[in-house]
Amino acid sequence: MVSYLEFEKPVAELEQRIAELRAASEGDDVDISNELKRLEVKSATLLEQTYESLSPWQKTQVARHPSRPHFRDYVEHAFDEFVPLGGDRNFGEDEAIMGGFAKLGGRKVVLIGHEKGNDTASRIRHNFGMGKPEGYRKAIRLMEMAGRFGLPVVTLVDTSGAFPGVEAEERGQAEAIARSTEACLALPVPMVASIVGEGGSGGAVALASAERVLMLEHAVYSVISPEGCASILWRTAEKAPDAAEAMKITAQNLEKLGVIDRIVNEPVGGAHRDPKAAAEALGQAIGEELDMLSRHSADELKRLREERFLQMAG
């Protein structure tokens, strides 16, 4: 079943009407196929029009949709032979950040990403995708392994931010994030990062400091959440829609600003309506980027990253 967002109410009403007509027509001699077809076309058109004109705040809601595909969904539909690797060899395992070896279109890669979970139990287990220091240190370990074995790195970013708890600070959260960012920039192999849902603050940058950064059509990427920004500027989270507009957090804004390199289109109505199609489209885009990057030497890859971030700073 589709979980509808507030702005999707007109679509929800139409789709409910279609479902009711279908149920009522079962075993009935009255032919209502033409009426059903008319409503289905109307519903599909309304859905397309709605998603063509989403505001930044509405895109934030789509990026947070409870049914939006996460790391495990992309592994299932876009990658093959995933072999998970756990632990930071220092403190323990962090299930908010997952990683391991995988194949993408026959190419061996090291795959790392945030996992938010898809129900209450798994969300708690994966800490809602908020990585702890050991998660980022695990990512560093996997990136260093990728460098030694000459395997490209692919990251899937989807987090509201790194975990802000006291225990994370005690174990060196800021240092772990900084080291993970440094590991990205120092990689001697190609790296492609993809923002697939929320790209929040340093918790996202630590896995997204790549020479090529992709972003799904309705994902968001920002230094702080709209609610957090609104709380600082206006002392109320109710101004979150205004903050989202001002911060330019959408893929379309960020492509114009040069923060990301490519937008990957989602199925009409968002990735949550067809996770398989969304994953396959992203996998194809990542494969194309890796094909292009494979022509560069290690020094050229590092230079590309350096130029990318210096250009933003300038």
C-alpha atoms as a PDB file:
ATOM      1  CA  MET A   1       0.000   0.000   0.000  1.00  0.00           C
ATOM      2  CA  VAL A   2       1.146   3.539  -0.807  1.00  0.00           C
ATOM      3  CA  SER A   3       1.588   5.889   2.142  1.00  0.00           C
ATOM      4  CA  TYR A   4       0.404   9.296   0.949  1.00  0.00           C
ATOM      5  CA  LEU A   5       2.008  12.596   1.883  1.00  0.00           C
ATOM      6  CA  GLU A   6      -0.073  15.661   2.764  1.00  0.00           C
ATOM      7  CA  PHE A   7       0.286  17.279  -0.649  1.00  0.00           C
ATOM      8  CA  GLU A   8      -0.777  14.024  -2.356  1.00  0.00           C
ATOM      9  CA  LYS A   9      -4.325  14.089  -0.952  1.00  0.00           C
ATOM     10  CA  PRO A  10      -6.009  14.793  -4.322  1.00  0.00           C
ATOM     11  CA  VAL A  11      -4.153  11.836  -5.844  1.00  0.00           C
ATOM     12  CA  ALA A  12      -5.046   9.668  -2.863  1.00  0.00           C
ATOM     13  CA  GLU A  13      -8.738  10.478  -3.253  1.00  0.00           C
ATOM     14  CA  LEU A  14      -8.683   9.559  -6.942  1.00  0.00           C
ATOM     15  CA  GLU A  15      -6.814   6.303  -6.359  1.00  0.00           C
ATOM     16  CA  GLN A  16      -9.203   5.392  -3.537  1.00  0.00           C
ATOM     17  CA  ARG A  17     -12.139   6.009  -5.868  1.00  0.00           C
ATOM     18  CA  ILE A  18     -10.525   3.757  -8.499  1.00  0.00           C
ATOM     19  CA  ALA A  19     -10.007   0.996  -5.930  1.00  0.00           C
ATOM     20  CA  GLU A  20     -13.619   1.270  -4.773  1.00  0.00           C
ATOM     21  CA  LEU A  21     -14.920   1.045  -8.352  1.00  0.00           C
ATOM     22  CA  ARG A  22     -12.780  -2.020  -9.032  1.00  0.00           C
ATOM     23  CA  ALA A  23     -14.047  -3.713  -5.892  1.00  0.00           C
ATOM     24  CA  ALA A  24     -17.671  -2.844  -6.686  1.00  0.00           C
ATOM     25  CA  SER A  25     -17.413  -4.133 -10.270  1.00  0.00           C
ATOM     26  CA  GLU A  26     -16.251  -7.632  -9.280  1.00  0.00           C
ATOM     27  CA  GLY A  27     -18.994 -10.061 -10.179  1.00  0.00           C
ATOM     28  CA  ASP A  28     -21.152  -7.240 -11.540  1.00  0.00           C
ATOM     29  CA  ASP A  29     -22.542  -7.289 -15.071  1.00  0.00           C
ATOM     30  CA  VAL A  30     -22.253  -3.506 -15.416  1.00  0.00           C
ATOM     31  CA  ASP A  31     -19.279  -2.506 -17.569  1.00  0.00           C
ATOM     32  CA  ILE A  32     -17.421   0.368 -15.933  1.00  0.00           C
ATOM     33  CA  SER A  33     -14.113  -0.136 -17.751  1.00  0.00           C
ATOM     34  CA  ASN A  34     -14.367   3.203 -19.562  1.00  0.00           C
ATOM     35  CA  GLU A  35     -14.958   5.074 -16.303  1.00  0.00           C
ATOM     36  CA  LEU A  36     -12.047   3.255 -14.674  1.00  0.00           C
ATOM     37  CA  LYS A  37      -9.778   4.076 -17.586  1.00  0.00           C
ATOM     38  CA  ARG A  38     -10.788   7.752 -17.438  1.00  0.00           C
ATOM     39  CA  LEU A  39     -10.048   7.952 -13.710  1.00  0.00           C
ATOM     40  CA  GLU A  40      -6.723   6.130 -14.083  1.00  0.00           C
ATOM     41  CA  VAL A  41      -5.580   8.571 -16.765  1.00  0.00           C
ATOM     42  CA  LYS A  42      -6.728  11.490 -14.622  1.00  0.00           C
ATOM     43  CA  SER A  43      -4.893  10.101 -11.587  1.00  0.00           C
ATOM     44  CA  ALA A  44      -1.655   9.475 -13.513  1.00  0.00           C
ATOM     45  CA  THR A  45      -1.780  12.983 -15.009  1.00  0.00           C
ATOM     46  CA  LEU A  46      -2.430  14.585 -11.622  1.00  0.00           C
ATOM     47  CA  LEU A  47       0.435  12.628 -10.036  1.00  0.00           C
ATOM     48  CA  GLU A  48       2.827  13.707 -12.781  1.00  0.00           C
ATOM     49  CA  GLN A  49       1.768  17.352 -12.540  1.00  0.00           C
ATOM     50  CA  THR A  50       2.082  17.297  -8.749  1.00  0.00           C
ATOM     51  CA  TYR A  51       5.627  15.947  -8.830  1.00  0.00           C
ATOM     52  CA  GLU A  52       6.704  18.336 -11.580  1.00  0.00           C
ATOM     53  CA  SER A  53       6.100  21.325  -9.307  1.00  0.00           C
ATOM     54  CA  LEU A  54       7.192  20.195  -5.848  1.00  0.00           C
ATOM     55  CA  SER A  55       8.502  22.842  -3.470  1.00  0.00           C
ATOM     56  CA  PRO A  56      11.809  22.235  -1.633  1.00  0.00           C
ATOM     57  CA  TRP A  57       9.868  21.378   1.538  1.00  0.00           C
ATOM     58  CA  GLN A  58       7.709  18.883  -0.347  1.00  0.00           C
ATOM     59  CA  LYS A  59      10.842  17.293  -1.809  1.00  0.00           C
ATOM     60  CA  THR A  60      12.176  17.001   1.742  1.00  0.00           C
ATOM     61  CA  GLN A  61       9.044  15.074   2.672  1.00  0.00           C
ATOM     62  CA  VAL A  62       9.499  12.782  -0.341  1.00  0.00           C
ATOM     63  CA  ALA A  63      13.166  12.217   0.579  1.00  0.00           C
ATOM     64  CA  ARG A  64      11.999  11.140   4.058  1.00  0.00           C
ATOM     65  CA  HIS A  65       9.120   8.976   2.855  1.00  0.00           C
ATOM     66  CA  PRO A  66       8.901   5.841   5.038  1.00  0.00           C
ATOM     67  CA  SER A  67       8.732   3.592   1.959  1.00  0.00           C
ATOM     68  CA  ARG A  68      11.618   5.245   0.113  1.00  0.00           C
ATOM     69  CA  PRO A  69      14.254   2.663  -0.901  1.00  0.00           C
ATOM     70  CA  HIS A  70      17.371   2.502   1.249  1.00  0.00           C
ATOM     71  CA  PHE A  71      20.777   0.833   1.045  1.00  0.00           C
ATOM     72  CA  ARG A  72      19.483  -2.748   1.170  1.00  0.00           C
ATOM     73  CA  ASP A  73      16.946  -2.045  -1.579  1.00  0.00           C
ATOM     74  CA  TYR A  74      19.640  -0.703  -3.893  1.00  0.00           C
ATOM     75  CA  VAL A  75      21.838  -3.707  -3.115  1.00  0.00           C
ATOM     76  CA  GLU A  76      18.952  -6.010  -4.053  1.00  0.00           C
ATOM     77  CA  HIS A  77      17.956  -4.307  -7.301  1.00  0.00           C
ATOM     78  CA  ALA A  78      21.117  -2.660  -8.669  1.00  0.00           C
ATOM     79  CA  PHE A  79      24.096  -4.696  -7.404  1.00  0.00           C
ATOM     80  CA  ASP A  80      25.117  -8.342  -7.439  1.00  0.00           C
ATOM     81  CA  GLU A  81      27.095 -10.639  -5.119  1.00  0.00           C
ATOM     82  CA  PHE A  82      27.145  -8.224  -2.178  1.00  0.00           C
ATOM     83  CA  VAL A  83      29.491  -9.444   0.574  1.00  0.00           C
ATOM     84  CA  PRO A  84      29.013  -7.348   3.735  1.00  0.00           C
ATOM     85  CA  LEU A  85      32.027  -6.468   5.860  1.00  0.00           C
ATOM     86  CA  GLY A  86      31.542  -5.258   9.427  1.00  0.00           C
ATOM     87  CA  GLY A  87      33.404  -3.611  12.274  1.00  0.00           C
ATOM     88  CA  ASP A  88      35.952  -0.836  12.571  1.00  0.00           C
ATOM     89  CA  ARG A  89      38.601  -3.090  14.216  1.00  0.00           C
ATOM     90  CA  ASN A  90      38.603  -0.683  17.143  1.00  0.00           C
ATOM     91  CA  PHE A  91      35.278  -0.418  18.974  1.00  0.00           C
ATOM     92  CA  GLY A  92      32.533  -2.393  17.276  1.00  0.00           C
ATOM     93  CA  GLU A  93      29.935  -2.604  14.526  1.00  0.00           C
ATOM     94  CA  ASP A  94      27.666   0.258  13.489  1.00  0.00           C
ATOM     95  CA  GLU A  95      24.672  -0.879  11.451  1.00  0.00           C
ATOM     96  CA  ALA A  96      23.738   2.659  10.410  1.00  0.00           C
ATOM     97  CA  ILE A  97      26.592   2.516   7.891  1.00  0.00           C
ATOM     98  CA  MET A  98      26.919  -0.654   5.847  1.00  0.00           C
ATOM     99  CA  GLY A  99      29.534  -1.719   3.352  1.00  0.00           C
ATOM    100  CA  GLY A 100      31.297  -4.495   1.566  1.00  0.00           C
ATOM    101  CA  PHE A 101      32.251  -5.916  -1.818  1.00  0.00           C
ATOM    102  CA  ALA A 102      29.709  -5.964  -4.639  1.00  0.00           C
ATOM    103  CA  LYS A 103      29.398  -6.124  -8.410  1.00  0.00           C
ATOM    104  CA  LEU A 104      27.778  -3.488 -10.590  1.00  0.00           C
ATOM    105  CA  GLY A 105      27.249  -4.612 -14.166  1.00  0.00           C
ATOM    106  CA  GLY A 106      30.076  -7.096 -13.839  1.00  0.00           C
ATOM    107  CA  ARG A 107      32.464  -4.521 -12.334  1.00  0.00           C
ATOM    108  CA  LYS A 108      33.796  -5.231  -8.818  1.00  0.00           C
ATOM    109  CA  VAL A 109      33.324  -2.293  -6.431  1.00  0.00           C
ATOM    110  CA  VAL A 110      33.451  -1.462  -2.751  1.00  0.00           C
ATOM    111  CA  LEU A 111      29.958  -0.325  -1.785  1.00  0.00           C
ATOM    112  CA  ILE A 112      29.310   1.828   1.320  1.00  0.00           C
ATOM    113  CA  GLY A 113      26.150   3.556   2.440  1.00  0.00           C
ATOM    114  CA  HIS A 114      23.651   4.545   5.101  1.00  0.00           C
ATOM    115  CA  GLU A 115      20.787   2.223   5.988  1.00  0.00           C
ATOM    116  CA  LYS A 116      17.730   3.690   7.734  1.00  0.00           C
ATOM    117  CA  GLY A 117      15.617   0.532   8.030  1.00  0.00           C
ATOM    118  CA  ASN A 118      12.071  -0.076   6.818  1.00  0.00           C
ATOM    119  CA  ASP A 119      10.100  -0.832   9.984  1.00  0.00           C
ATOM    120  CA  THR A 120      10.274   0.070  13.658  1.00  0.00           C
ATOM    121  CA  ALA A 121      12.620  -2.752  14.663  1.00  0.00           C
ATOM    122  CA  SER A 122      15.049  -2.274  11.759  1.00  0.00           C
ATOM    123  CA  ARG A 123      15.027   1.520  12.120  1.00  0.00           C
ATOM    124  CA  ILE A 124      16.072   1.192  15.741  1.00  0.00           C
ATOM    125  CA  ARG A 125      18.721  -1.398  14.833  1.00  0.00           C
ATOM    126  CA  HIS A 126      20.137   0.858  12.104  1.00  0.00           C
ATOM    127  CA  ASN A 127      19.780   3.964  14.304  1.00  0.00           C
ATOM    128  CA  PHE A 128      17.660   5.666  11.613  1.00  0.00           C
ATOM    129  CA  GLY A 129      20.733   5.921   9.378  1.00  0.00           C
ATOM    130  CA  MET A 130      22.638   8.157  11.804  1.00  0.00           C
ATOM    131  CA  GLY A 131      26.208   6.912  11.820  1.00  0.00           C
ATOM    132  CA  LYS A 132      28.404   6.690  14.908  1.00  0.00           C
ATOM    133  CA  PRO A 133      32.222   7.048  14.965  1.00  0.00           C
ATOM    134  CA  GLU A 134      32.718   3.323  14.483  1.00  0.00           C
ATOM    135  CA  GLY A 135      30.565   3.492  11.358  1.00  0.00           C
ATOM    136  CA  TYR A 136      32.710   6.163   9.767  1.00  0.00           C
ATOM    137  CA  ARG A 137      35.878   4.336  10.851  1.00  0.00           C
ATOM    138  CA  LYS A 138      34.506   1.215   9.184  1.00  0.00           C
ATOM    139  CA  ALA A 139      33.974   3.276   6.022  1.00  0.00           C
ATOM    140  CA  ILE A 140      37.590   4.452   6.226  1.00  0.00           C
ATOM    141  CA  ARG A 141      38.771   0.843   6.565  1.00  0.00           C
ATOM    142  CA  LEU A 142      36.771  -0.185   3.502  1.00  0.00           C
ATOM    143  CA  MET A 143      38.006   2.775   1.444  1.00  0.00           C
ATOM    144  CA  GLU A 144      41.615   1.946   2.321  1.00  0.00           C
ATOM    145  CA  MET A 145      40.938  -1.672   1.318  1.00  0.00           C
ATOM    146  CA  ALA A 146      39.498  -0.458  -1.995  1.00  0.00           C
ATOM    147  CA  GLY A 147      42.676   1.536  -2.604  1.00  0.00           C
ATOM    148  CA  ARG A 148      44.891  -1.488  -1.928  1.00  0.00           C
ATOM    149  CA  PHE A 149      42.876  -3.764  -4.218  1.00  0.00           C
ATOM    150  CA  GLY A 150      42.328  -1.154  -6.941  1.00  0.00           C
ATOM    151  CA  LEU A 151      38.534  -1.269  -6.682  1.00  0.00           C
ATOM    152  CA  PRO A 152      36.321   1.771  -7.322  1.00  0.00           C
ATOM    153  CA  VAL A 153      34.248   3.066  -4.404  1.00  0.00           C
ATOM    154  CA  VAL A 154      30.496   3.650  -4.640  1.00  0.00           C
ATOM    155  CA  THR A 155      28.631   5.339  -1.786  1.00  0.00           C
ATOM    156  CA  LEU A 156      24.890   5.697  -1.197  1.00  0.00           C
ATOM    157  CA  VAL A 157      24.185   8.634   1.106  1.00  0.00           C
ATOM    158  CA  ASP A 158      20.923   8.783   3.051  1.00  0.00           C
ATOM    159  CA  THR A 159      21.132  10.295   6.529  1.00  0.00           C
ATOM    160  CA  SER A 160      19.634  13.181   8.441  1.00  0.00           C
ATOM    161  CA  GLY A 161      23.091  13.609   9.958  1.00  0.00           C
ATOM    162  CA  ALA A 162      25.659  11.802  12.069  1.00  0.00           C
ATOM    163  CA  PHE A 163      24.459  10.578  15.467  1.00  0.00           C
ATOM    164  CA  PRO A 164      24.676  13.486  17.969  1.00  0.00           C
ATOM    165  CA  GLY A 165      24.555  11.437  21.191  1.00  0.00           C
ATOM    166  CA  VAL A 166      26.973  11.844  24.087  1.00  0.00           C
ATOM    167  CA  GLU A 167      28.513   8.412  23.525  1.00  0.00           C
ATOM    168  CA  ALA A 168      29.323   9.323  19.914  1.00  0.00           C
ATOM    169  CA  GLU A 169      31.058  12.500  21.045  1.00  0.00           C
ATOM    170  CA  GLU A 170      32.983  10.537  23.667  1.00  0.00           C
ATOM    171  CA  ARG A 171      34.281   8.190  20.963  1.00  0.00           C
ATOM    172  CA  GLY A 172      35.401  11.041  18.677  1.00  0.00           C
ATOM    173  CA  GLN A 173      32.533  11.679  16.271  1.00  0.00           C
ATOM    174  CA  ALA A 174      33.966  14.865  14.749  1.00  0.00           C
ATOM    175  CA  GLU A 175      37.399  13.308  14.258  1.00  0.00           C
ATOM    176  CA  ALA A 176      35.900  10.194  12.638  1.00  0.00           C
ATOM    177  CA  ILE A 177      33.861  12.311  10.202  1.00  0.00           C
ATOM    178  CA  ALA A 178      36.919  14.410   9.334  1.00  0.00           C
ATOM    179  CA  ARG A 179      39.045  11.300   8.775  1.00  0.00           C
ATOM    180  CA  SER A 180      36.366   9.735   6.586  1.00  0.00           C
ATOM    181  CA  THR A 181      36.196  12.895   4.461  1.00  0.00           C
ATOM    182  CA  GLU A 182      39.989  12.837   4.205  1.00  0.00           C
ATOM    183  CA  ALA A 183      39.919   9.170   3.158  1.00  0.00           C
ATOM    184  CA  CYS A 184      37.486  10.010   0.334  1.00  0.00           C
ATOM    185  CA  LEU A 185      39.730  12.800  -0.941  1.00  0.00           C
ATOM    186  CA  ALA A 186      42.866  10.649  -0.795  1.00  0.00           C
ATOM    187  CA  LEU A 187      41.485   7.635  -2.654  1.00  0.00           C
ATOM    188  CA  PRO A 188      43.705   6.432  -5.534  1.00  0.00           C
ATOM    189  CA  VAL A 189      40.682   4.830  -7.229  1.00  0.00           C
ATOM    190  CA  PRO A 190      37.498   6.253  -8.781  1.00  0.00           C
ATOM    191  CA  MET A 191      34.725   7.246  -6.376  1.00  0.00           C
ATOM    192  CA  VAL A 192      31.082   7.971  -7.195  1.00  0.00           C
ATOM    193  CA  ALA A 193      28.762   9.188  -4.448  1.00  0.00           C
ATOM    194  CA  SER A 194      24.972   9.243  -4.753  1.00  0.00           C
ATOM    195  CA  ILE A 195      22.555  11.175  -2.551  1.00  0.00           C
ATOM    196  CA  VAL A 196      19.551   8.850  -2.569  1.00  0.00           C
ATOM    197  CA  GLY A 197      17.406  10.393   0.174  1.00  0.00           C
ATOM    198  CA  GLU A 198      18.569  12.892   2.772  1.00  0.00           C
ATOM    199  CA  GLY A 199      22.102  14.226   2.602  1.00  0.00           C
ATOM    200  CA  GLY A 200      22.458  15.798   6.021  1.00  0.00           C
ATOM    201  CA  SER A 201      25.466  17.784   7.226  1.00  0.00           C
ATOM    202  CA  GLY A 202      28.907  16.257   7.869  1.00  0.00           C
ATOM    203  CA  GLY A 203      27.362  12.831   8.249  1.00  0.00           C
ATOM    204  CA  ALA A 204      26.668  12.936   4.505  1.00  0.00           C
ATOM    205  CA  VAL A 205      29.824  14.761   3.369  1.00  0.00           C
ATOM    206  CA  ALA A 206      31.963  12.093   5.055  1.00  0.00           C
ATOM    207  CA  LEU A 207      30.769   9.614   2.410  1.00  0.00           C
ATOM    208  CA  ALA A 208      30.195  12.075  -0.444  1.00  0.00           C
ATOM    209  CA  SER A 209      33.546  13.806  -0.987  1.00  0.00           C
ATOM    210  CA  ALA A 210      33.938  12.200  -4.405  1.00  0.00           C
ATOM    211  CA  GLU A 211      34.971  13.411  -7.841  1.00  0.00           C
ATOM    212  CA  ARG A 212      31.458  12.642  -9.115  1.00  0.00           C
ATOM    213  CA  VAL A 213      28.346  13.236  -7.006  1.00  0.00           C
ATOM    214  CA  LEU A 214      24.937  12.091  -8.262  1.00  0.00           C
ATOM    215  CA  MET A 215      21.588  12.898  -6.721  1.00  0.00           C
ATOM    216  CA  LEU A 216      18.172  11.362  -7.134  1.00  0.00           C
ATOM    217  CA  GLU A 217      15.547  13.737  -8.489  1.00  0.00           C
ATOM    218  CA  HIS A 218      13.666  14.196  -5.211  1.00  0.00           C
ATOM    219  CA  ALA A 219      16.567  13.842  -2.754  1.00  0.00           C
ATOM    220  CA  VAL A 220      17.815  16.760  -0.628  1.00  0.00           C
ATOM    221  CA  TYR A 221      21.346  17.748   0.438  1.00  0.00           C
ATOM    222  CA  SER A 222      22.148  20.439   2.991  1.00  0.00           C
ATOM    223  CA  VAL A 223      24.365  21.493   5.870  1.00  0.00           C
ATOM    224  CA  ILE A 224      21.438  21.382   8.304  1.00  0.00           C
ATOM    225  CA  SER A 225      17.829  20.202   8.250  1.00  0.00           C
ATOM    226  CA  PRO A 226      15.158  22.771   7.332  1.00  0.00           C
ATOM    227  CA  GLU A 227      13.722  22.414  10.839  1.00  0.00           C
ATOM    228  CA  GLY A 228      17.128  23.026  12.418  1.00  0.00           C
ATOM    229  CA  CYS A 229      17.767  26.071  10.255  1.00  0.00           C
ATOM    230  CA  ALA A 230      14.306  27.474  11.042  1.00  0.00           C
ATOM    231  CA  SER A 231      14.845  26.947  14.768  1.00  0.00           C
ATOM    232  CA  ILE A 232      18.067  28.977  14.621  1.00  0.00           C
ATOM    233  CA  LEU A 233      16.853  31.799  12.360  1.00  0.00           C
ATOM    234  CA  TRP A 234      13.207  32.150  13.406  1.00  0.00           C
ATOM    235  CA  ARG A 235      13.158  30.312  16.744  1.00  0.00           C
ATOM    236  CA  THR A 236      10.446  27.985  15.441  1.00  0.00           C
ATOM    237  CA  ALA A 237      10.460  24.812  13.351  1.00  0.00           C
ATOM    238  CA  GLU A 238       7.197  25.931  11.751  1.00  0.00           C
ATOM    239  CA  LYS A 239       9.291  28.036   9.364  1.00  0.00           C
ATOM    240  CA  ALA A 240      10.931  24.881   7.934  1.00  0.00           C
ATOM    241  CA  PRO A 241       9.290  25.338   4.483  1.00  0.00           C
ATOM    242  CA  ASP A 242      10.799  28.850   4.257  1.00  0.00           C
ATOM    243  CA  ALA A 243      14.192  27.525   5.364  1.00  0.00           C
ATOM    244  CA  ALA A 244      14.085  24.737   2.764  1.00  0.00           C
ATOM    245  CA  GLU A 245      13.383  27.318   0.062  1.00  0.00           C
ATOM    246  CA  ALA A 246      16.208  29.621   1.192  1.00  0.00           C
ATOM    247  CA  MET A 247      18.857  26.898   1.596  1.00  0.00           C
ATOM    248  CA  LYS A 248      18.620  25.615  -2.010  1.00  0.00           C
ATOM    249  CA  ILE A 249      18.588  21.988  -0.911  1.00  0.00           C
ATOM    250  CA  THR A 250      17.070  20.319  -3.983  1.00  0.00           C
ATOM    251  CA  ALA A 251      18.941  18.409  -6.672  1.00  0.00           C
ATOM    252  CA  GLN A 252      17.881  20.998  -9.257  1.00  0.00           C
ATOM    253  CA  ASN A 253      19.298  23.898  -7.208  1.00  0.00           C
ATOM    254  CA  LEU A 254      22.504  22.074  -6.339  1.00  0.00           C
ATOM    255  CA  GLU A 255      23.212  21.089  -9.933  1.00  0.00           C
ATOM    256  CA  LYS A 256      23.001  24.761 -10.931  1.00  0.00           C
ATOM    257  CA  LEU A 257      25.340  25.686  -8.074  1.00  0.00           C
ATOM    258  CA  GLY A 258      27.858  23.013  -9.099  1.00  0.00           C
ATOM    259  CA  VAL A 259      27.602  21.094  -5.829  1.00  0.00           C
ATOM    260  CA  ILE A 260      26.447  17.925  -7.610  1.00  0.00           C
ATOM    261  CA  ASP A 261      27.210  16.682 -11.114  1.00  0.00           C
ATOM    262  CA  ARG A 262      24.157  14.763 -12.263  1.00  0.00           C
ATOM    263  CA  ILE A 263      20.489  14.258 -11.433  1.00  0.00           C
ATOM    264  CA  VAL A 264      19.058  10.747 -11.769  1.00  0.00           C
ATOM    265  CA  ASN A 265      15.353  10.756 -12.582  1.00  0.00           C
ATOM    266  CA  GLU A 266      12.958   8.878 -10.318  1.00  0.00           C
ATOM    267  CA  PRO A 267       9.773   7.032 -11.310  1.00  0.00           C
ATOM    268  CA  VAL A 268       6.725   9.323 -11.482  1.00  0.00           C
ATOM    269  CA  GLY A 269       5.533   9.820  -7.915  1.00  0.00           C
ATOM    270  CA  GLY A 270       8.939   9.237  -6.343  1.00  0.00           C
ATOM    271  CA  ALA A 271      11.316   6.315  -5.844  1.00  0.00           C
ATOM    272  CA  HIS A 272       9.022   4.813  -3.187  1.00  0.00           C
ATOM    273  CA  ARG A 273       6.407   4.021  -5.854  1.00  0.00           C
ATOM    274  CA  ASP A 274       8.814   1.805  -7.810  1.00  0.00           C
ATOM    275  CA  PRO A 275      12.016   1.053  -5.855  1.00  0.00           C
ATOM    276  CA  LYS A 276      13.226  -1.468  -8.451  1.00  0.00           C
ATOM    277  CA  ALA A 277      13.047   1.043 -11.330  1.00  0.00           C
ATOM    278  CA  ALA A 278      14.709   3.734  -9.192  1.00  0.00           C
ATOM    279  CA  ALA A 279      17.545   1.389  -8.226  1.00  0.00           C
ATOM    280  CA  GLU A 280      18.108   0.229 -11.788  1.00  0.00           C
ATOM    281  CA  ALA A 281      18.248   3.826 -13.065  1.00  0.00           C
ATOM    282  CA  LEU A 282      20.760   4.763 -10.370  1.00  0.00           C
ATOM    283  CA  GLY A 283      22.860   1.665 -11.040  1.00  0.00           C
ATOM    284  CA  GLN A 284      23.030   2.512 -14.732  1.00  0.00           C
ATOM    285  CA  ALA A 285      24.063   6.115 -14.000  1.00  0.00           C
ATOM    286  CA  ILE A 286      26.769   5.017 -11.561  1.00  0.00           C
ATOM    287  CA  GLY A 287      28.094   2.521 -14.116  1.00  0.00           C
ATOM    288  CA  GLU A 288      28.339   5.255 -16.757  1.00  0.00           C
ATOM    289  CA  GLU A 289      30.243   7.517 -14.365  1.00  0.00           C
ATOM    290  CA  LEU A 290      32.661   4.738 -13.420  1.00  0.00           C
ATOM    291  CA  ASP A 291      33.284   4.014 -17.110  1.00  0.00           C
ATOM    292  CA  MET A 292      34.291   7.648 -17.588  1.00  0.00           C
ATOM    293  CA  LEU A 293      36.440   7.820 -14.432  1.00  0.00           C
ATOM    294  CA  SER A 294      38.285   4.575 -15.194  1.00  0.00           C
ATOM    295  CA  ARG A 295      40.279   6.446 -17.852  1.00  0.00           C
ATOM    296  CA  HIS A 296      41.963   8.646 -15.235  1.00  0.00           C
ATOM    297  CA  SER A 297      45.111   7.898 -13.259  1.00  0.00           C
ATOM    298  CA  ALA A 298      45.234   8.050  -9.444  1.00  0.00           C
ATOM    299  CA  ASP A 299      46.861  11.503  -9.543  1.00  0.00           C
ATOM    300  CA  GLU A 300      44.235  12.798 -11.972  1.00  0.00           C
ATOM    301  CA  LEU A 301      41.414  11.506  -9.762  1.00  0.00           C
ATOM    302  CA  LYS A 302      42.837  13.302  -6.728  1.00  0.00           C
ATOM    303  CA  ARG A 303      43.226  16.462  -8.795  1.00  0.00           C
ATOM    304  CA  LEU A 304      39.605  16.254  -9.932  1.00  0.00           C
ATOM    305  CA  ARG A 305      38.449  16.098  -6.310  1.00  0.00           C
ATOM    306  CA  GLU A 306      40.749  18.928  -5.294  1.00  0.00           C
ATOM    307  CA  GLU A 307      39.545  21.168  -8.122  1.00  0.00           C
ATOM    308  CA  ARG A 308      35.927  20.349  -7.381  1.00  0.00           C
ATOM    309  CA  PHE A 309      36.009  21.464  -3.760  1.00  0.00           C
ATOM    310  CA  LEU A 310      38.350  24.411  -4.322  1.00  0.00           C
ATOM    311  CA  GLN A 311      35.930  25.697  -6.951  1.00  0.00           C
ATOM    312  CA  MET A 312      33.086  25.555  -4.425  1.00  0.00           C
ATOM    313  CA  ALA A 313      35.196  27.375  -1.826  1.00  0.00           C
ATOM    314  CA  GLY A 314      36.145  30.062  -4.342  1.00  0.00           C
END
